[in-house]
C-alpha cells in the first residue's frame, strides 16, 4: 500500500483516507488532519448536473 505524507502536518495517509472536495471548479484531495489541498485537477463539466438542467417534475 502506498502512503502519502502531508507536507504540512506530516501525517501519513493512504489514498482512502484523503477527503475529496470541489474547490473553484477543481476536484481536490484534501488532508483530513490539516485541510491542506494535496492534489487538484479540473472537473469535467459534462459530469456535473446544474440546477437549470435538472429534470422538472410535473
Protein backbone atom coordinates (compact mmCIF):
# COMPACT_ATOMS: atom_id res chain seq x y z
CA UNK A 1 0.00 0.00 0.00
CA UNK A 2 1.25 3.47 -0.89
CA UNK A 3 1.31 6.05 1.90
CA UNK A 4 1.30 9.80 1.31
CA UNK A 5 2.90 12.10 3.87
CA UNK A 6 1.25 15.52 4.13
CA UNK A 7 3.93 18.20 3.66
CA UNK A 8 2.14 20.48 6.12
CA UNK A 9 1.27 18.33 9.16
CA UNK A 10 3.41 15.25 8.27
CA UNK A 11 0.51 12.81 8.77
CA UNK A 12 0.97 9.53 6.88
CA UNK A 13 -2.16 8.92 4.81
CA UNK A 14 -3.43 6.31 2.38
CA UNK A 15 -5.44 7.33 -0.70
CA UNK A 16 -8.61 6.11 1.02
CA UNK A 17 -8.03 8.48 3.94
CA UNK A 18 -7.89 11.62 1.79
CA UNK A 19 -11.06 13.71 1.60
CA UNK A 20 -12.49 14.89 -1.72
CA UNK A 21 -13.67 18.44 -2.23
CA UNK A 22 -14.60 20.61 -5.22
CA UNK A 23 -12.86 23.97 -4.93
CA UNK A 24 -13.29 26.64 -7.64
CA UNK A 25 -14.33 24.02 -10.20
CA UNK A 26 -11.45 21.67 -9.44
CA UNK A 27 -11.67 18.25 -7.83
CA UNK A 28 -9.24 18.27 -4.90
CA UNK A 29 -7.82 15.72 -2.50
CA UNK A 30 -7.50 17.25 0.98
CA UNK A 31 -5.62 16.14 4.11
CA UNK A 32 -8.22 15.26 6.78
CA UNK A 33 -5.87 16.39 9.57
CA UNK A 34 -4.94 19.93 8.47
CA UNK A 35 -7.18 20.56 5.40
CA UNK A 36 -4.23 21.23 3.09
CA UNK A 37 -5.00 20.63 -0.60
CA UNK A 38 -2.63 17.88 -1.74
CA UNK A 39 -3.86 17.27 -5.30
CA UNK A 40 -6.19 19.13 -7.63
CA UNK A 41 -7.49 18.57 -11.15
CA UNK A 42 -10.19 20.15 -13.34
CA UNK A 43 -13.72 18.74 -13.05
CA UNK A 44 -15.36 17.51 -16.27
CA UNK A 45 -18.24 19.95 -16.80
CA UNK A 46 -20.36 17.34 -18.61
CA UNK A 47 -20.42 15.19 -15.44
CA UNK A 48 -21.94 17.98 -13.30
CA UNK A 49 -25.71 18.39 -13.34
CA UNK A 50 -26.58 22.07 -12.94
CA UNK A 51 -29.93 23.01 -11.34
CA UNK A 52 -31.25 24.52 -14.59
CA UNK A 53 -30.59 21.20 -16.34
CA UNK A 54 -32.34 19.08 -13.72
CA UNK A 55 -35.47 17.33 -14.96
CA UNK A 56 -38.66 19.10 -13.93
CA UNK A 57 -41.35 17.11 -12.17
CA UNK A 58 -44.91 17.87 -13.28
